[in-house]
Amino acid sequence: MAGQSMPAVKAFTYYRRKLGISELAESTGQDRVNFHSFRRWFITKALQAGQPELVVQIVVGHKPQSVAASVYLGGLTMEQMKECVEAVKLPS
């Protein structure tokens, strides 16, 4: 999985640096600002938006936790994954 996510991690780091946001964000007292913190934020917002946990797990690249899903699920449709992503609204 690390190899598959590396382009996204690099793109996020580039974007964060372009905006001038330090990884530690010491000046604001916030937690680390990195790709993992973005994933944590996305998962939280997707679940708060009412997206099924299984869909969120698969969208972010986690292995489904249930035996039925990990053994028998043939995958999600692109529409299911798109709906999950679009349910999360970026702060303005």
N, C-alpha and C. Protein backbone atom coordinates (compact mmCIF):
# COMPACT_ATOMS: atom_id res chain seq x y z
N MET A 1 0.82 -1.20 0.00
CA MET A 1 0.00 0.00 0.00
C MET A 1 0.86 1.26 0.00
N ALA A 2 2.00 1.23 0.64
CA ALA A 2 2.84 2.42 0.72
C ALA A 2 3.22 2.93 -0.66
N GLY A 3 3.53 2.02 -1.57
CA GLY A 3 3.90 2.41 -2.91
C GLY A 3 2.75 3.07 -3.66
N GLN A 4 1.53 2.60 -3.42
CA GLN A 4 0.37 3.16 -4.10
C GLN A 4 0.03 4.55 -3.58
N SER A 5 0.26 4.80 -2.32
CA SER A 5 -0.12 6.09 -1.75
C SER A 5 0.98 7.14 -1.86
N MET A 6 2.19 6.75 -2.23
CA MET A 6 3.31 7.69 -2.25
C MET A 6 3.06 8.92 -3.13
N PRO A 7 2.51 8.81 -4.35
CA PRO A 7 2.26 10.02 -5.12
C PRO A 7 1.33 10.99 -4.41
N ALA A 8 0.31 10.48 -3.73
CA ALA A 8 -0.62 11.35 -3.00
C ALA A 8 0.07 12.00 -1.81
N VAL A 9 0.92 11.25 -1.11
CA VAL A 9 1.65 11.79 0.04
C VAL A 9 2.57 12.92 -0.43
N LYS A 10 3.28 12.69 -1.52
CA LYS A 10 4.19 13.72 -2.04
C LYS A 10 3.42 14.95 -2.50
N ALA A 11 2.29 14.75 -3.17
CA ALA A 11 1.48 15.88 -3.63
C ALA A 11 0.96 16.69 -2.46
N PHE A 12 0.53 16.00 -1.39
CA PHE A 12 0.02 16.69 -0.21
C PHE A 12 1.14 17.51 0.44
N THR A 13 2.33 16.91 0.55
CA THR A 13 3.48 17.62 1.15
C THR A 13 3.83 18.85 0.34
N TYR A 14 3.85 18.71 -0.99
CA TYR A 14 4.13 19.85 -1.86
C TYR A 14 3.09 20.95 -1.65
N TYR A 15 1.82 20.59 -1.61
CA TYR A 15 0.73 21.56 -1.43
C TYR A 15 0.85 22.25 -0.07
N ARG A 16 1.13 21.47 0.98
CA ARG A 16 1.27 22.03 2.33
C ARG A 16 2.40 23.05 2.37
N ARG A 17 3.54 22.69 1.77
CA ARG A 17 4.68 23.61 1.76
C ARG A 17 4.40 24.86 0.92
N LYS A 18 3.70 24.68 -0.20
CA LYS A 18 3.34 25.81 -1.06
C LYS A 18 2.48 26.82 -0.29
N LEU A 19 1.61 26.32 0.59
CA LEU A 19 0.77 27.19 1.40
C LEU A 19 1.51 27.77 2.60
N GLY A 20 2.73 27.27 2.84
CA GLY A 20 3.51 27.77 3.97
C GLY A 20 3.09 27.19 5.30
N ILE A 21 2.51 26.00 5.28
CA ILE A 21 2.08 25.35 6.52
C ILE A 21 3.16 24.39 6.96
N SER A 22 3.72 24.62 8.15
CA SER A 22 4.75 23.72 8.63
C SER A 22 4.11 22.42 9.09
N GLU A 23 4.87 21.34 9.04
CA GLU A 23 4.32 20.04 9.44
C GLU A 23 3.89 20.06 10.90
N LEU A 24 4.65 20.70 11.75
CA LEU A 24 4.32 20.70 13.18
C LEU A 24 3.33 21.79 13.56
N ALA A 25 3.18 22.80 12.73
CA ALA A 25 2.24 23.90 12.99
C ALA A 25 2.40 24.43 14.42
N GLU A 26 3.66 24.66 14.83
CA GLU A 26 3.94 25.10 16.19
C GLU A 26 3.25 26.43 16.52
N SER A 27 3.16 27.31 15.54
CA SER A 27 2.62 28.63 15.82
C SER A 27 1.14 28.58 16.21
N THR A 28 0.42 27.55 15.79
CA THR A 28 -1.00 27.47 16.10
C THR A 28 -1.30 26.49 17.23
N GLY A 29 -0.31 25.71 17.63
CA GLY A 29 -0.53 24.72 18.67
C GLY A 29 -1.32 23.52 18.21
N GLN A 30 -1.50 23.38 16.89
CA GLN A 30 -2.26 22.25 16.35
C GLN A 30 -1.39 21.01 16.29
N ASP A 31 -2.05 19.88 16.05
CA ASP A 31 -1.34 18.64 15.83
C ASP A 31 -0.57 18.72 14.52
N ARG A 32 0.20 17.68 14.25
CA ARG A 32 0.97 17.59 13.02
C ARG A 32 0.06 17.78 11.80
N VAL A 33 0.57 18.48 10.81
CA VAL A 33 -0.15 18.66 9.55
C VAL A 33 0.61 17.87 8.51
N ASN A 34 0.13 16.66 8.24
CA ASN A 34 0.77 15.81 7.24
C ASN A 34 -0.32 14.96 6.58
N PHE A 35 0.09 14.07 5.70
CA PHE A 35 -0.89 13.29 4.97
C PHE A 35 -1.72 12.41 5.91
N HIS A 36 -1.09 11.89 6.97
CA HIS A 36 -1.84 11.04 7.91
C HIS A 36 -2.92 11.87 8.62
N SER A 37 -2.60 13.09 8.98
CA SER A 37 -3.61 13.92 9.64
C SER A 37 -4.73 14.25 8.67
N PHE A 38 -4.41 14.40 7.37
CA PHE A 38 -5.45 14.63 6.37
C PHE A 38 -6.36 13.40 6.26
N ARG A 39 -5.77 12.20 6.24
CA ARG A 39 -6.58 10.98 6.17
C ARG A 39 -7.50 10.87 7.38
N ARG A 40 -6.96 11.17 8.56
CA ARG A 40 -7.76 11.12 9.79
C ARG A 40 -8.94 12.09 9.68
N TRP A 41 -8.66 13.32 9.20
CA TRP A 41 -9.71 14.33 9.03
C TRP A 41 -10.75 13.84 8.01
N PHE A 42 -10.29 13.29 6.87
CA PHE A 42 -11.21 12.84 5.83
C PHE A 42 -12.11 11.72 6.36
N ILE A 43 -11.54 10.75 7.06
CA ILE A 43 -12.34 9.64 7.60
C ILE A 43 -13.39 10.18 8.56
N THR A 44 -13.01 11.09 9.44
CA THR A 44 -13.95 11.67 10.39
C THR A 44 -15.09 12.36 9.67
N LYS A 45 -14.77 13.20 8.69
CA LYS A 45 -15.79 13.96 7.97
C LYS A 45 -16.69 13.06 7.13
N ALA A 46 -16.13 12.02 6.52
CA ALA A 46 -16.93 11.09 5.72
C ALA A 46 -17.93 10.35 6.60
N LEU A 47 -17.48 9.88 7.77
CA LEU A 47 -18.39 9.18 8.67
C LEU A 47 -19.45 10.14 9.23
N GLN A 48 -19.06 11.38 9.54
CA GLN A 48 -20.02 12.38 10.02
C GLN A 48 -21.05 12.72 8.95
N ALA A 49 -20.66 12.57 7.67
CA ALA A 49 -21.57 12.85 6.56
C ALA A 49 -22.48 11.66 6.26
N GLY A 50 -22.39 10.61 7.09
CA GLY A 50 -23.28 9.47 6.94
C GLY A 50 -22.83 8.41 5.95
N GLN A 51 -21.56 8.44 5.55
CA GLN A 51 -21.06 7.43 4.63
C GLN A 51 -20.84 6.11 5.36
N PRO A 52 -21.15 4.99 4.73
CA PRO A 52 -20.94 3.69 5.38
C PRO A 52 -19.47 3.46 5.70
N GLU A 53 -19.20 2.92 6.87
CA GLU A 53 -17.82 2.71 7.31
C GLU A 53 -17.04 1.85 6.31
N LEU A 54 -17.67 0.83 5.77
CA LEU A 54 -17.00 -0.03 4.79
C LEU A 54 -16.54 0.76 3.57
N VAL A 55 -17.39 1.64 3.08
CA VAL A 55 -17.03 2.45 1.90
C VAL A 55 -15.86 3.36 2.24
N VAL A 56 -15.90 4.00 3.40
CA VAL A 56 -14.82 4.90 3.82
C VAL A 56 -13.51 4.12 3.94
N GLN A 57 -13.55 2.94 4.55
CA GLN A 57 -12.34 2.13 4.69
C GLN A 57 -11.71 1.86 3.33
N ILE A 58 -12.51 1.47 2.37
CA ILE A 58 -11.98 1.12 1.06
C ILE A 58 -11.48 2.36 0.32
N VAL A 59 -12.20 3.48 0.42
CA VAL A 59 -11.78 4.72 -0.25
C VAL A 59 -10.41 5.17 0.23
N VAL A 60 -10.14 5.05 1.52
CA VAL A 60 -8.85 5.50 2.04
C VAL A 60 -7.77 4.43 1.99
N GLY A 61 -8.11 3.26 1.47
CA GLY A 61 -7.10 2.24 1.26
C GLY A 61 -6.91 1.28 2.41
N HIS A 62 -7.84 1.26 3.37
CA HIS A 62 -7.75 0.31 4.46
C HIS A 62 -8.41 -1.00 4.05
N LYS A 63 -7.93 -2.09 4.61
CA LYS A 63 -8.53 -3.39 4.37
C LYS A 63 -9.86 -3.45 5.12
N PRO A 64 -10.92 -3.93 4.46
CA PRO A 64 -12.20 -4.05 5.18
C PRO A 64 -12.03 -4.90 6.44
N GLN A 65 -12.71 -4.50 7.52
CA GLN A 65 -12.54 -5.18 8.81
C GLN A 65 -13.40 -6.42 8.96
N SER A 66 -14.49 -6.52 8.23
CA SER A 66 -15.36 -7.69 8.40
C SER A 66 -14.88 -8.83 7.50
N VAL A 67 -15.09 -10.05 7.97
CA VAL A 67 -14.71 -11.22 7.18
C VAL A 67 -15.51 -11.26 5.88
N ALA A 68 -16.81 -10.97 5.98
CA ALA A 68 -17.65 -11.00 4.78
C ALA A 68 -17.12 -10.04 3.72
N ALA A 69 -16.76 -8.84 4.12
CA ALA A 69 -16.28 -7.85 3.16
C ALA A 69 -14.89 -8.20 2.64
N SER A 70 -14.01 -8.64 3.52
CA SER A 70 -12.64 -8.91 3.08
C SER A 70 -12.54 -10.18 2.24
N VAL A 71 -13.47 -11.10 2.41
CA VAL A 71 -13.42 -12.36 1.66
C VAL A 71 -14.34 -12.34 0.45
N TYR A 72 -15.56 -11.84 0.62
CA TYR A 72 -16.57 -12.00 -0.42
C TYR A 72 -16.89 -10.76 -1.23
N LEU A 73 -16.56 -9.58 -0.75
CA LEU A 73 -16.90 -8.35 -1.47
C LEU A 73 -16.10 -8.27 -2.76
N GLY A 74 -16.79 -8.07 -3.85
CA GLY A 74 -16.13 -7.97 -5.15
C GLY A 74 -15.62 -6.57 -5.45
N GLY A 75 -15.86 -5.63 -4.57
CA GLY A 75 -15.41 -4.26 -4.77
C GLY A 75 -16.57 -3.30 -4.76
N LEU A 76 -16.25 -2.04 -4.74
CA LEU A 76 -17.26 -0.98 -4.78
C LEU A 76 -17.36 -0.45 -6.20
N THR A 77 -18.47 0.19 -6.49
CA THR A 77 -18.61 0.85 -7.79
C THR A 77 -17.92 2.22 -7.70
N MET A 78 -17.57 2.75 -8.84
CA MET A 78 -16.98 4.10 -8.86
C MET A 78 -17.97 5.12 -8.31
N GLU A 79 -19.26 4.90 -8.55
CA GLU A 79 -20.28 5.81 -8.04
C GLU A 79 -20.30 5.82 -6.51
N GLN A 80 -20.15 4.66 -5.89
CA GLN A 80 -20.12 4.59 -4.42
C GLN A 80 -18.91 5.36 -3.87
N MET A 81 -17.76 5.17 -4.50
CA MET A 81 -16.55 5.86 -4.02
C MET A 81 -16.65 7.36 -4.27
N LYS A 82 -17.18 7.74 -5.42
CA LYS A 82 -17.34 9.17 -5.75
C LYS A 82 -18.29 9.84 -4.76
N GLU A 83 -19.38 9.16 -4.43
CA GLU A 83 -20.34 9.71 -3.47
C GLU A 83 -19.68 9.95 -2.11
N CYS A 84 -18.83 9.03 -1.70
CA CYS A 84 -18.12 9.17 -0.43
C CYS A 84 -17.21 10.39 -0.45
N VAL A 85 -16.44 10.52 -1.49
CA VAL A 85 -15.51 11.65 -1.59
C VAL A 85 -16.27 12.98 -1.66
N GLU A 86 -17.33 13.01 -2.43
CA GLU A 86 -18.09 14.26 -2.59
C GLU A 86 -18.90 14.61 -1.35
N ALA A 87 -19.12 13.65 -0.44
CA ALA A 87 -19.85 13.94 0.79
C ALA A 87 -19.01 14.77 1.76
N VAL A 88 -17.70 14.75 1.57
CA VAL A 88 -16.79 15.49 2.45
C VAL A 88 -16.59 16.88 1.88
N LYS A 89 -16.91 17.87 2.66
CA LYS A 89 -16.79 19.27 2.23
C LYS A 89 -15.56 19.92 2.88
N LEU A 90 -14.75 20.54 2.06
CA LEU A 90 -13.58 21.26 2.58
C LEU A 90 -14.04 22.52 3.31
N PRO A 91 -13.33 22.90 4.37
CA PRO A 91 -13.70 24.14 5.06
C PRO A 91 -13.46 25.34 4.15
N SER A 92 -14.30 26.34 4.30
CA SER A 92 -14.14 27.54 3.44
C SER A 92 -13.24 28.57 4.07
